Amino acid sequence: MPRGDKSAYTDKQKRMARHIEESYESRGMPEDEAERRAWATVNQETGGGRKSGSGRTGGERRQPGGPEHDRRSAAAKKGWETRRRKNAAG
């Protein structure tokens, strides 16, 4: 796929880019710069165009304090906090 080819993007991503571009243009930005920034924003927010292959269907990255943290038992949370505090002090 040559650079600049938008065929790999979903209709939703194309609409998003069009709305963002119009917003930039309404604020006085040149058309080519507005288009470039709009697609950069779409890429940043959605991860780019459609991608093939297994394991690309989404999912969240696990982060401390995220939803998985809330499912831990009180004892597990207390132990984690104690280990974290002791390691930080030492």
N, C-alpha and C. Protein backbone atom coordinates (compact mmCIF):
# COMPACT_ATOMS: atom_id res chain seq x y z
N MET A 1 0.85 -1.18 0.00
CA MET A 1 0.00 0.00 0.00
C MET A 1 0.90 1.24 0.00
N PRO A 2 0.75 2.11 -1.00
CA PRO A 2 1.58 3.31 -1.04
C PRO A 2 1.22 4.28 0.07
N ARG A 3 2.18 5.10 0.42
CA ARG A 3 1.93 6.10 1.47
C ARG A 3 0.82 7.03 1.01
N GLY A 4 -0.06 7.38 1.93
CA GLY A 4 -1.16 8.27 1.61
C GLY A 4 -2.42 7.55 1.17
N ASP A 5 -2.34 6.23 0.97
CA ASP A 5 -3.51 5.46 0.56
C ASP A 5 -4.38 5.24 1.79
N LYS A 6 -5.65 5.66 1.69
CA LYS A 6 -6.55 5.58 2.85
C LYS A 6 -7.51 4.40 2.76
N SER A 7 -7.28 3.45 1.84
CA SER A 7 -8.20 2.34 1.67
C SER A 7 -8.23 1.40 2.86
N ALA A 8 -7.19 1.40 3.67
CA ALA A 8 -7.14 0.49 4.82
C ALA A 8 -7.89 1.02 6.03
N TYR A 9 -8.45 2.21 5.93
CA TYR A 9 -9.16 2.80 7.06
C TYR A 9 -10.64 2.46 7.00
N THR A 10 -11.26 2.36 8.16
CA THR A 10 -12.70 2.08 8.23
C THR A 10 -13.46 3.36 7.88
N ASP A 11 -14.75 3.20 7.58
CA ASP A 11 -15.58 4.37 7.29
C ASP A 11 -15.63 5.31 8.49
N LYS A 12 -15.66 4.73 9.67
CA LYS A 12 -15.70 5.55 10.88
C LYS A 12 -14.43 6.39 11.00
N GLN A 13 -13.28 5.79 10.72
CA GLN A 13 -12.02 6.53 10.79
C GLN A 13 -11.97 7.64 9.75
N LYS A 14 -12.51 7.37 8.56
CA LYS A 14 -12.54 8.39 7.51
C LYS A 14 -13.45 9.55 7.91
N ARG A 15 -14.62 9.24 8.50
CA ARG A 15 -15.51 10.31 8.97
C ARG A 15 -14.85 11.13 10.06
N MET A 16 -14.17 10.44 10.98
CA MET A 16 -13.48 11.13 12.06
C MET A 16 -12.45 12.10 11.51
N ALA A 17 -11.66 11.65 10.54
CA ALA A 17 -10.62 12.50 9.95
C ALA A 17 -11.25 13.69 9.24
N ARG A 18 -12.36 13.45 8.55
CA ARG A 18 -13.03 14.54 7.83
C ARG A 18 -13.53 15.61 8.80
N HIS A 19 -14.12 15.18 9.91
CA HIS A 19 -14.63 16.14 10.91
C HIS A 19 -13.48 16.92 11.56
N ILE A 20 -12.41 16.23 11.88
CA ILE A 20 -11.25 16.89 12.49
C ILE A 20 -10.65 17.89 11.52
N GLU A 21 -10.54 17.49 10.26
CA GLU A 21 -9.98 18.37 9.23
C GLU A 21 -10.84 19.63 9.08
N GLU A 22 -12.15 19.45 9.03
CA GLU A 22 -13.05 20.60 8.92
C GLU A 22 -12.90 21.55 10.11
N SER A 23 -12.71 20.98 11.27
CA SER A 23 -12.53 21.80 12.47
C SER A 23 -11.26 22.64 12.37
N TYR A 24 -10.16 22.02 11.93
CA TYR A 24 -8.92 22.76 11.76
C TYR A 24 -9.07 23.88 10.72
N GLU A 25 -9.72 23.54 9.60
CA GLU A 25 -9.89 24.53 8.54
C GLU A 25 -10.76 25.70 9.00
N SER A 26 -11.77 25.41 9.84
CA SER A 26 -12.64 26.49 10.32
C SER A 26 -11.87 27.46 11.23
N ARG A 27 -10.74 26.98 11.76
CA ARG A 27 -9.91 27.84 12.60
C ARG A 27 -8.78 28.50 11.81
N GLY A 28 -8.84 28.39 10.48
CA GLY A 28 -7.91 29.12 9.63
C GLY A 28 -6.65 28.39 9.23
N MET A 29 -6.58 27.09 9.45
CA MET A 29 -5.38 26.34 9.09
C MET A 29 -5.44 25.98 7.60
N PRO A 30 -4.30 26.01 6.91
CA PRO A 30 -4.29 25.62 5.49
C PRO A 30 -4.80 24.19 5.31
N GLU A 31 -5.42 23.93 4.16
CA GLU A 31 -6.09 22.65 3.91
C GLU A 31 -5.15 21.45 4.02
N ASP A 32 -3.95 21.55 3.44
CA ASP A 32 -3.04 20.40 3.48
C ASP A 32 -2.54 20.11 4.89
N GLU A 33 -2.29 21.15 5.66
CA GLU A 33 -1.85 20.96 7.05
C GLU A 33 -2.99 20.39 7.89
N ALA A 34 -4.21 20.88 7.64
CA ALA A 34 -5.37 20.38 8.38
C ALA A 34 -5.57 18.88 8.10
N GLU A 35 -5.42 18.48 6.84
CA GLU A 35 -5.57 17.06 6.50
C GLU A 35 -4.49 16.21 7.17
N ARG A 36 -3.26 16.69 7.12
CA ARG A 36 -2.15 15.94 7.74
C ARG A 36 -2.38 15.75 9.23
N ARG A 37 -2.77 16.82 9.91
CA ARG A 37 -3.01 16.73 11.35
C ARG A 37 -4.22 15.86 11.68
N ALA A 38 -5.25 15.93 10.83
CA ALA A 38 -6.45 15.12 11.07
C ALA A 38 -6.10 13.64 11.03
N TRP A 39 -5.35 13.21 10.00
CA TRP A 39 -4.99 11.80 9.91
C TRP A 39 -4.03 11.39 11.01
N ALA A 40 -3.15 12.29 11.42
CA ALA A 40 -2.25 11.98 12.53
C ALA A 40 -3.05 11.75 13.80
N THR A 41 -4.10 12.55 14.00
CA THR A 41 -4.95 12.40 15.17
C THR A 41 -5.71 11.09 15.12
N VAL A 42 -6.25 10.74 13.96
CA VAL A 42 -6.97 9.47 13.81
C VAL A 42 -6.03 8.31 14.10
N ASN A 43 -4.82 8.37 13.55
CA ASN A 43 -3.85 7.29 13.80
C ASN A 43 -3.52 7.16 15.28
N GLN A 44 -3.37 8.28 15.96
CA GLN A 44 -3.02 8.24 17.37
C GLN A 44 -4.17 7.67 18.20
N GLU A 45 -5.39 8.06 17.88
CA GLU A 45 -6.52 7.63 18.69
C GLU A 45 -7.00 6.22 18.38
N THR A 46 -6.84 5.77 17.15
CA THR A 46 -7.38 4.47 16.77
C THR A 46 -6.32 3.44 16.42
N GLY A 47 -5.08 3.83 16.36
CA GLY A 47 -4.02 2.89 16.04
C GLY A 47 -3.82 2.65 14.56
N GLY A 48 -4.34 3.53 13.72
CA GLY A 48 -4.14 3.42 12.28
C GLY A 48 -5.26 2.66 11.60
N GLY A 49 -5.02 2.23 10.36
CA GLY A 49 -6.02 1.54 9.57
C GLY A 49 -6.24 0.11 10.04
N ARG A 50 -7.10 -0.60 9.33
CA ARG A 50 -7.38 -2.00 9.67
C ARG A 50 -6.09 -2.80 9.56
N LYS A 51 -5.93 -3.75 10.45
CA LYS A 51 -4.75 -4.60 10.40
C LYS A 51 -5.20 -6.06 10.42
N SER A 52 -4.56 -6.88 9.62
CA SER A 52 -4.92 -8.29 9.58
C SER A 52 -4.06 -9.06 10.58
N GLY A 53 -4.48 -10.25 10.87
CA GLY A 53 -3.71 -11.12 11.74
C GLY A 53 -4.43 -11.38 13.04
N SER A 54 -4.12 -12.51 13.62
CA SER A 54 -4.78 -12.86 14.88
C SER A 54 -4.19 -12.05 16.02
N GLY A 55 -4.94 -11.91 17.04
CA GLY A 55 -4.46 -11.21 18.21
C GLY A 55 -4.53 -9.70 18.11
N ARG A 56 -5.17 -9.19 17.08
CA ARG A 56 -5.26 -7.74 16.89
C ARG A 56 -6.67 -7.22 17.14
N THR A 57 -7.46 -7.99 17.87
CA THR A 57 -8.86 -7.61 18.02
C THR A 57 -9.09 -6.66 19.19
N GLY A 58 -8.07 -6.26 19.87
CA GLY A 58 -8.25 -5.26 20.92
C GLY A 58 -7.82 -5.78 22.27
N GLY A 59 -8.49 -5.31 23.28
CA GLY A 59 -8.12 -5.66 24.64
C GLY A 59 -7.40 -4.50 25.28
N GLU A 60 -7.41 -4.49 26.58
CA GLU A 60 -6.78 -3.39 27.30
C GLU A 60 -5.45 -3.84 27.87
N ARG A 61 -4.56 -2.91 27.97
CA ARG A 61 -3.30 -3.21 28.64
C ARG A 61 -3.55 -3.20 30.13
N ARG A 62 -2.89 -4.09 30.82
CA ARG A 62 -3.08 -4.14 32.26
C ARG A 62 -2.20 -3.09 32.91
N GLN A 63 -2.81 -2.30 33.76
CA GLN A 63 -2.08 -1.25 34.44
C GLN A 63 -2.39 -1.33 35.93
N PRO A 64 -1.41 -1.01 36.77
CA PRO A 64 -1.69 -0.98 38.20
C PRO A 64 -2.80 0.01 38.50
N GLY A 65 -3.71 -0.39 39.34
CA GLY A 65 -4.81 0.49 39.68
C GLY A 65 -5.96 0.41 38.70
N GLY A 66 -5.85 -0.46 37.70
CA GLY A 66 -6.91 -0.59 36.70
C GLY A 66 -8.00 -1.52 37.18
N PRO A 67 -8.85 -1.99 36.28
CA PRO A 67 -9.98 -2.82 36.67
C PRO A 67 -9.58 -4.13 37.33
N GLU A 68 -8.44 -4.68 36.93
CA GLU A 68 -8.00 -5.94 37.54
C GLU A 68 -7.61 -5.72 39.00
N HIS A 69 -7.06 -4.57 39.29
CA HIS A 69 -6.66 -4.25 40.66
C HIS A 69 -7.86 -4.26 41.59
N ASP A 70 -9.01 -3.81 41.10
CA ASP A 70 -10.22 -3.75 41.92
C ASP A 70 -10.75 -5.13 42.26
N ARG A 71 -10.42 -6.14 41.46
CA ARG A 71 -10.93 -7.49 41.69
C ARG A 71 -10.10 -8.28 42.69
N ARG A 72 -8.97 -7.75 43.09
CA ARG A 72 -8.13 -8.48 44.03
C ARG A 72 -8.75 -8.45 45.43
N SER A 73 -8.44 -9.47 46.20
CA SER A 73 -8.93 -9.52 47.57
C SER A 73 -8.25 -8.44 48.40
N ALA A 74 -8.84 -8.13 49.53
CA ALA A 74 -8.28 -7.11 50.42
C ALA A 74 -6.89 -7.52 50.89
N ALA A 75 -6.70 -8.82 51.18
CA ALA A 75 -5.39 -9.30 51.64
C ALA A 75 -4.34 -9.15 50.54
N ALA A 76 -4.72 -9.43 49.31
CA ALA A 76 -3.78 -9.30 48.19
C ALA A 76 -3.39 -7.84 48.00
N LYS A 77 -4.36 -6.93 48.11
CA LYS A 77 -4.07 -5.50 47.98
C LYS A 77 -3.14 -5.03 49.09
N LYS A 78 -3.42 -5.47 50.31
CA LYS A 78 -2.60 -5.06 51.45
C LYS A 78 -1.17 -5.57 51.30
N GLY A 79 -1.01 -6.82 50.86
CA GLY A 79 0.32 -7.38 50.66
C GLY A 79 1.09 -6.64 49.58
N TRP A 80 0.40 -6.31 48.51
CA TRP A 80 1.03 -5.56 47.42
C TRP A 80 1.51 -4.21 47.91
N GLU A 81 0.66 -3.50 48.63
CA GLU A 81 1.03 -2.18 49.14
C GLU A 81 2.21 -2.27 50.10
N THR A 82 2.22 -3.29 50.95
CA THR A 82 3.32 -3.46 51.90
C THR A 82 4.63 -3.72 51.16
N ARG A 83 4.62 -4.63 50.19
CA ARG A 83 5.85 -4.90 49.42
C ARG A 83 6.32 -3.68 48.67
N ARG A 84 5.40 -2.95 48.09
CA ARG A 84 5.77 -1.75 47.34
C ARG A 84 6.40 -0.71 48.27
N ARG A 85 5.83 -0.51 49.42
CA ARG A 85 6.33 0.47 50.38
C ARG A 85 7.73 0.06 50.89
N LYS A 86 7.91 -1.22 51.20
CA LYS A 86 9.21 -1.69 51.71
C LYS A 86 10.29 -1.58 50.64
N ASN A 87 9.96 -1.90 49.40
CA ASN A 87 10.93 -1.83 48.31
C ASN A 87 11.31 -0.37 48.02
N ALA A 88 10.38 0.55 48.14
CA ALA A 88 10.65 1.95 47.90
C ALA A 88 11.57 2.52 48.97
N ALA A 89 11.42 2.05 50.20
CA ALA A 89 12.22 2.57 51.32
C ALA A 89 13.63 1.99 51.30
N GLY A 90 13.79 0.80 50.78
CA GLY A 90 15.09 0.11 50.86
C GLY A 90 15.91 0.25 49.68
